[in-house]
Amino acid sequence: MKNILYCFDSNYNLQGAVSIYSLLENYNTKIDLYIIHDEPAKFQKFIKKIRSHKNLNSINIYKFNDKQHEFPNLKEAHVTYATYFRMFINKYLPDSLDYVVYIDPDIICLKDPSKELEKVIKDLENSSFSIAALTEGVRETSTLFDSLSLKGEKYFNAGLIIINYKDWLKQNVGEKLLNIMLENFNNIKYWDQDVMNKYFDGNYIEIPRSLNYTSSDGINLPDGNIHMLHYAGSKKPWYFEFVLEKISKHYHEAFQKLFKNKFHVTLNLKRHEVPELLSIIFSREFKLSDKIKFFYGIFKTRIIK
């Protein structure tokens, strides 16, 4: 049985539900699900759709109450303040948990990751480290090391991290992360991911890329043995201009299983985006039946939310 953690707000209700459902559909054993959310009442209708799943052992949702803090670099960002919820897990999760697998709501599970997660947890148990994550950058190729004054040689992506929660509590990591955020407020670029990298500074166990696969340009179809596909960055599969990219089909297939609609499309159209929308509409590669479903997806998305 696994402890799975998600942190998001109402802006990501649909995406969070799809991510969770894709995990339940592919996992080969029951999981205990924990969610930290800013408005749990608004997520209740989505919980109803997953509560009876055969692979769900329990679901626990907590209201995020630590809103008194100012969080860095959120103006005009494609993320919301919910990305910082992870820094406060000690205030919400039960002390009895041992290992926690945190998953971003823009990650889709393509195949059962349980064996790979078990291997990483074993490595973590036999190490002196508190977390496991995927290395995203190294000192030679990233300016983040200078801006954050990192001493280590690697920087991890926080989309999927495995946490030794006992160590997290023992080391009082949550309080230390908050202090680091305040001390480095103006140097934070990639939100709480920067804060965590500043704290752990290269001291973590590596996870295989198959557990947090991110496309280099956000639109190329993944290849190889992928368990967890991460739609990192600003090219999200539900943005109308990326809905038809090949890599987006995995998200929309998962969305369709849960909501019975082929497309999840968000459209807050600005003038400069009109030509792009027209090119999608008149594309010969886009079948008439799919064009109809595309616009139905825009309409239906607004209703579901």
Foldseek 3Di string as FASTA:
>chain_A
DAEEEEWAEPVCLLLLLLQVLLQLVAAPAAYEYEYEYQDVVSNVVSCVLCVPRPRHPYYYYHHDDPPPDDFADPVVDPGHPRVCVVLVVVVPDDLPDFKYKYAYSQKGFDHHCVVLVVVQVVVVVVDPFFKEFAWDDFDVPDPLCVLLVFPATTAGDVRIMMGRSNVCVVVVRSVQLVVQCVVSRPSDDPTSSSSVCSVCRHPHHYGDCLAEPEDPVQQDADDDNHGMYGSDDDLGCQELLRVPGPNSQSSQVSSCVRPVANHQHEDPDDPVCVVSNVCQLPPPVQDPVNSVSSVVNHVVNVVVD
